[in-house]
Amino acid sequence: MNLFERPKICIIVLGLILGFNVGQAQIAHDITHDDAFKALLAAKQKAEDSNVLVNIAVVDAGANLKAFIRMDESFLGSIDVAIKKAKTARYFDIDTGKLGELTQPGGAIYNIELSNEGLITFPGGLPIKNKNGKIVGAIGVSGGTIEQDRDIAKAGVQSILK
């Protein structure tokens, strides 16, 4: 008699397998929801102070969306861009503007933006590090100029270190 002919054993084995993974869903160096919202709100405040309407996304260490805000009347098209900037910054642990410098024609990674269901390789995405220097996530901002987006993202990153 094989294992599939014994439903009770299958259920017990499946329960044990799944049980071992409970509580291990979050990476040890993952941004907390409190820090994600802290970064989000600091970036939003910077945007308001700069009179810029943006979308702001924070992803965790696994590049999963953790927090997001779309400021009233910000561009609809910037929703996806903000999320992709955050994911790009986390995928490569680099300022998206710096990554963009490497993706120019003739560059070592030209056309990389076509990978990973689309990357954004212009400024506005930054990795987020904790006080120990570990990357715990990333932030992406879209809706202003690339300089404004980067400055707003920096405000979010810096709020975690305070």
C-alpha atoms as a PDB file:
ATOM      1  CA  MET A   1       0.000   0.000   0.000  1.00  0.00           C
ATOM      2  CA  ASN A   2       1.515   3.335  -1.023  1.00  0.00           C
ATOM      3  CA  LEU A   3       1.317   6.644   0.802  1.00  0.00           C
ATOM      4  CA  PHE A   4      -1.510   7.998  -1.369  1.00  0.00           C
ATOM      5  CA  GLU A   5      -3.743   5.098  -0.400  1.00  0.00           C
ATOM      6  CA  ARG A   6      -3.530   6.234   3.200  1.00  0.00           C
ATOM      7  CA  PRO A   7      -5.303   9.602   3.411  1.00  0.00           C
ATOM      8  CA  LYS A   8      -4.745  10.017   7.170  1.00  0.00           C
ATOM      9  CA  ILE A   9      -0.985   9.639   6.781  1.00  0.00           C
ATOM     10  CA  CYS A  10      -0.970  12.095   3.878  1.00  0.00           C
ATOM     11  CA  ILE A  11      -2.835  14.662   5.934  1.00  0.00           C
ATOM     12  CA  ILE A  12      -0.513  14.197   8.920  1.00  0.00           C
ATOM     13  CA  VAL A  13       2.633  14.436   6.772  1.00  0.00           C
ATOM     14  CA  LEU A  14       1.304  17.517   4.977  1.00  0.00           C
ATOM     15  CA  GLY A  15       0.420  19.112   8.321  1.00  0.00           C
ATOM     16  CA  LEU A  16       3.915  18.466   9.658  1.00  0.00           C
ATOM     17  CA  ILE A  17       5.542  19.902   6.547  1.00  0.00           C
ATOM     18  CA  LEU A  18       3.405  23.015   6.649  1.00  0.00           C
ATOM     19  CA  GLY A  19       3.758  23.301  10.425  1.00  0.00           C
ATOM     20  CA  PHE A  20       7.523  23.576  10.222  1.00  0.00           C
ATOM     21  CA  ASN A  21       7.185  26.676   8.049  1.00  0.00           C
ATOM     22  CA  VAL A  22       4.844  28.566  10.377  1.00  0.00           C
ATOM     23  CA  GLY A  23       6.546  31.645  11.773  1.00  0.00           C
ATOM     24  CA  GLN A  24       9.287  31.615   9.169  1.00  0.00           C
ATOM     25  CA  ALA A  25       7.512  33.703   6.565  1.00  0.00           C
ATOM     26  CA  GLN A  26       9.367  36.909   7.369  1.00  0.00           C
ATOM     27  CA  ILE A  27      13.059  37.292   6.613  1.00  0.00           C
ATOM     28  CA  ALA A  28      15.150  38.146   9.692  1.00  0.00           C
ATOM     29  CA  HIS A  29      16.315  41.381   8.044  1.00  0.00           C
ATOM     30  CA  ASP A  30      12.936  42.463   6.724  1.00  0.00           C
ATOM     31  CA  ILE A  31      11.441  45.924   7.123  1.00  0.00           C
ATOM     32  CA  THR A  32       8.734  46.014   9.765  1.00  0.00           C
ATOM     33  CA  HIS A  33       5.353  47.439   8.901  1.00  0.00           C
ATOM     34  CA  ASP A  34       6.018  50.262  11.392  1.00  0.00           C
ATOM     35  CA  ASP A  35       9.247  51.219   9.590  1.00  0.00           C
ATOM     36  CA  ALA A  36       7.587  50.830   6.182  1.00  0.00           C
ATOM     37  CA  PHE A  37       4.886  53.306   7.199  1.00  0.00           C
ATOM     38  CA  LYS A  38       7.472  55.584   8.806  1.00  0.00           C
ATOM     39  CA  ALA A  39       9.370  55.730   5.490  1.00  0.00           C
ATOM     40  CA  LEU A  40       6.142  56.162   3.545  1.00  0.00           C
ATOM     41  CA  LEU A  41       4.924  59.040   5.702  1.00  0.00           C
ATOM     42  CA  ALA A  42       8.318  60.788   5.778  1.00  0.00           C
ATOM     43  CA  ALA A  43       8.461  60.616   1.984  1.00  0.00           C
ATOM     44  CA  LYS A  44       4.872  61.876   1.750  1.00  0.00           C
ATOM     45  CA  GLN A  45       5.731  64.807   4.020  1.00  0.00           C
ATOM     46  CA  LYS A  46       8.743  65.676   1.842  1.00  0.00           C
ATOM     47  CA  ALA A  47       6.513  65.534  -1.246  1.00  0.00           C
ATOM     48  CA  GLU A  48       3.952  67.826   0.380  1.00  0.00           C
ATOM     49  CA  ASP A  49       6.691  70.235   1.492  1.00  0.00           C
ATOM     50  CA  SER A  50       7.991  70.225  -2.108  1.00  0.00           C
ATOM     51  CA  ASN A  51       4.465  70.679  -3.498  1.00  0.00           C
ATOM     52  CA  VAL A  52       4.794  67.514  -5.611  1.00  0.00           C
ATOM     53  CA  LEU A  53       2.101  64.887  -6.153  1.00  0.00           C
ATOM     54  CA  VAL A  54       3.601  61.406  -6.164  1.00  0.00           C
ATOM     55  CA  ASN A  55       3.007  57.722  -5.638  1.00  0.00           C
ATOM     56  CA  ILE A  56       5.216  56.073  -3.018  1.00  0.00           C
ATOM     57  CA  ALA A  57       5.876  52.343  -2.652  1.00  0.00           C
ATOM     58  CA  VAL A  58       7.836  50.488   0.009  1.00  0.00           C
ATOM     59  CA  VAL A  59       8.825  46.861  -0.549  1.00  0.00           C
ATOM     60  CA  ASP A  60      10.248  44.384   1.933  1.00  0.00           C
ATOM     61  CA  ALA A  61      13.515  42.474   1.671  1.00  0.00           C
ATOM     62  CA  GLY A  62      11.850  40.017  -0.711  1.00  0.00           C
ATOM     63  CA  ALA A  63      10.707  42.882  -2.983  1.00  0.00           C
ATOM     64  CA  ASN A  64       7.068  42.342  -1.978  1.00  0.00           C
ATOM     65  CA  LEU A  65       4.886  45.431  -1.647  1.00  0.00           C
ATOM     66  CA  LYS A  66       4.705  46.372   2.038  1.00  0.00           C
ATOM     67  CA  ALA A  67       3.199  49.888   1.983  1.00  0.00           C
ATOM     68  CA  PHE A  68       1.865  52.215  -0.696  1.00  0.00           C
ATOM     69  CA  ILE A  69       0.251  55.618  -1.012  1.00  0.00           C
ATOM     70  CA  ARG A  70      -1.124  57.445  -4.000  1.00  0.00           C
ATOM     71  CA  MET A  71      -1.395  61.134  -3.250  1.00  0.00           C
ATOM     72  CA  ASP A  72      -4.626  62.702  -4.440  1.00  0.00           C
ATOM     73  CA  GLU A  73      -4.468  63.734  -8.112  1.00  0.00           C
ATOM     74  CA  SER A  74      -1.069  62.088  -8.694  1.00  0.00           C
ATOM     75  CA  PHE A  75      -0.520  60.419 -12.052  1.00  0.00           C
ATOM     76  CA  LEU A  76      -2.186  57.030 -12.470  1.00  0.00           C
ATOM     77  CA  GLY A  77       0.745  55.863 -14.582  1.00  0.00           C
ATOM     78  CA  SER A  78       3.101  56.562 -11.699  1.00  0.00           C
ATOM     79  CA  ILE A  79       1.553  53.831  -9.552  1.00  0.00           C
ATOM     80  CA  ASP A  80       3.299  51.059 -11.468  1.00  0.00           C
ATOM     81  CA  VAL A  81       6.472  53.108 -11.875  1.00  0.00           C
ATOM     82  CA  ALA A  82       6.797  53.712  -8.105  1.00  0.00           C
ATOM     83  CA  ILE A  83       6.341  50.020  -7.347  1.00  0.00           C
ATOM     84  CA  LYS A  84       8.827  49.001 -10.043  1.00  0.00           C
ATOM     85  CA  LYS A  85      11.377  51.557  -8.825  1.00  0.00           C
ATOM     86  CA  ALA A  86      11.170  50.072  -5.326  1.00  0.00           C
ATOM     87  CA  LYS A  87      11.439  46.512  -6.637  1.00  0.00           C
ATOM     88  CA  THR A  88      14.339  47.400  -8.936  1.00  0.00           C
ATOM     89  CA  ALA A  89      16.217  49.054  -6.076  1.00  0.00           C
ATOM     90  CA  ARG A  90      15.766  45.919  -3.972  1.00  0.00           C
ATOM     91  CA  TYR A  91      16.481  43.391  -6.724  1.00  0.00           C
ATOM     92  CA  PHE A  92      19.896  44.941  -7.309  1.00  0.00           C
ATOM     93  CA  ASP A  93      20.434  46.769  -3.970  1.00  0.00           C
ATOM     94  CA  ILE A  94      21.273  49.965  -5.786  1.00  0.00           C
ATOM     95  CA  ASP A  95      19.914  53.453  -6.398  1.00  0.00           C
ATOM     96  CA  THR A  96      17.864  53.061  -9.592  1.00  0.00           C
ATOM     97  CA  GLY A  97      19.553  56.147 -11.033  1.00  0.00           C
ATOM     98  CA  LYS A  98      22.976  54.532 -10.573  1.00  0.00           C
ATOM     99  CA  LEU A  99      21.672  51.340 -12.184  1.00  0.00           C
ATOM    100  CA  GLY A 100      20.477  53.441 -15.114  1.00  0.00           C
ATOM    101  CA  GLU A 101      24.011  54.644 -15.716  1.00  0.00           C
ATOM    102  CA  LEU A 102      25.033  51.011 -16.255  1.00  0.00           C
ATOM    103  CA  THR A 103      22.187  50.267 -18.649  1.00  0.00           C
ATOM    104  CA  GLN A 104      23.008  52.787 -21.351  1.00  0.00           C
ATOM    105  CA  PRO A 105      23.717  51.549 -24.901  1.00  0.00           C
ATOM    106  CA  GLY A 106      27.071  49.817 -24.889  1.00  0.00           C
ATOM    107  CA  GLY A 107      26.886  49.332 -21.110  1.00  0.00           C
ATOM    108  CA  ALA A 108      27.593  46.026 -19.407  1.00  0.00           C
ATOM    109  CA  ILE A 109      23.921  45.462 -18.625  1.00  0.00           C
ATOM    110  CA  TYR A 110      22.242  47.257 -21.511  1.00  0.00           C
ATOM    111  CA  ASN A 111      18.561  46.231 -21.806  1.00  0.00           C
ATOM    112  CA  ILE A 112      18.375  44.741 -18.288  1.00  0.00           C
ATOM    113  CA  GLU A 113      15.240  46.817 -17.754  1.00  0.00           C
ATOM    114  CA  LEU A 114      13.451  44.282 -19.958  1.00  0.00           C
ATOM    115  CA  SER A 115      13.989  41.561 -17.336  1.00  0.00           C
ATOM    116  CA  ASN A 116      12.003  40.801 -14.180  1.00  0.00           C
ATOM    117  CA  GLU A 117       8.684  41.854 -15.736  1.00  0.00           C
ATOM    118  CA  GLY A 118      10.101  45.336 -16.275  1.00  0.00           C
ATOM    119  CA  LEU A 119      12.600  47.336 -14.287  1.00  0.00           C
ATOM    120  CA  ILE A 120      12.916  51.077 -13.867  1.00  0.00           C
ATOM    121  CA  THR A 121      16.426  52.386 -14.363  1.00  0.00           C
ATOM    122  CA  PHE A 122      16.058  56.084 -13.648  1.00  0.00           C
ATOM    123  CA  PRO A 123      16.171  57.876 -10.257  1.00  0.00           C
ATOM    124  CA  GLY A 124      13.531  57.507  -7.572  1.00  0.00           C
ATOM    125  CA  GLY A 125      14.199  54.028  -6.183  1.00  0.00           C
ATOM    126  CA  LEU A 126      16.507  53.453  -3.208  1.00  0.00           C
ATOM    127  CA  PRO A 127      17.362  50.487  -1.011  1.00  0.00           C
ATOM    128  CA  ILE A 128      16.440  50.887   2.669  1.00  0.00           C
ATOM    129  CA  LYS A 129      18.985  49.804   5.278  1.00  0.00           C
ATOM    130  CA  ASN A 130      18.390  49.350   8.974  1.00  0.00           C
ATOM    131  CA  LYS A 131      20.618  50.834  11.691  1.00  0.00           C
ATOM    132  CA  ASN A 132      22.937  47.815  11.359  1.00  0.00           C
ATOM    133  CA  GLY A 133      23.483  48.480   7.644  1.00  0.00           C
ATOM    134  CA  LYS A 134      21.421  45.496   6.468  1.00  0.00           C
ATOM    135  CA  ILE A 135      19.122  46.038   3.509  1.00  0.00           C
ATOM    136  CA  VAL A 136      15.583  45.476   4.748  1.00  0.00           C
ATOM    137  CA  GLY A 137      13.616  46.736   1.746  1.00  0.00           C
ATOM    138  CA  ALA A 138      13.412  49.597  -0.725  1.00  0.00           C
ATOM    139  CA  ILE A 139      11.354  52.664  -1.568  1.00  0.00           C
ATOM    140  CA  GLY A 140      10.178  53.902  -4.944  1.00  0.00           C
ATOM    141  CA  VAL A 141       8.736  57.325  -5.744  1.00  0.00           C
ATOM    142  CA  SER A 142       7.187  58.488  -9.002  1.00  0.00           C
ATOM    143  CA  GLY A 143       5.296  61.565 -10.123  1.00  0.00           C
ATOM    144  CA  GLY A 144       7.751  64.441  -9.900  1.00  0.00           C
ATOM    145  CA  THR A 145      10.945  65.105 -11.783  1.00  0.00           C
ATOM    146  CA  ILE A 146      13.592  62.432 -11.337  1.00  0.00           C
ATOM    147  CA  GLU A 147      15.442  64.770  -8.966  1.00  0.00           C
ATOM    148  CA  GLN A 148      12.290  65.338  -6.898  1.00  0.00           C
ATOM    149  CA  ASP A 149      11.523  61.606  -6.861  1.00  0.00           C
ATOM    150  CA  ARG A 150      15.052  60.820  -5.606  1.00  0.00           C
ATOM    151  CA  ASP A 151      14.908  63.528  -2.903  1.00  0.00           C
ATOM    152  CA  ILE A 152      11.526  62.302  -1.697  1.00  0.00           C
ATOM    153  CA  ALA A 153      12.775  58.703  -1.612  1.00  0.00           C
ATOM    154  CA  LYS A 154      15.864  59.828   0.356  1.00  0.00           C
ATOM    155  CA  ALA A 155      13.609  61.388   2.978  1.00  0.00           C
ATOM    156  CA  GLY A 156      11.886  58.041   3.403  1.00  0.00           C
ATOM    157  CA  VAL A 157      15.178  56.157   3.693  1.00  0.00           C
ATOM    158  CA  GLN A 158      16.628  58.623   6.191  1.00  0.00           C
ATOM    159  CA  SER A 159      13.565  58.353   8.450  1.00  0.00           C
ATOM    160  CA  ILE A 160      14.433  54.714   9.204  1.00  0.00           C
ATOM    161  CA  LEU A 161      17.871  55.677  10.489  1.00  0.00           C
ATOM    162  CA  LYS A 162      16.577  58.278  12.968  1.00  0.00           C
END
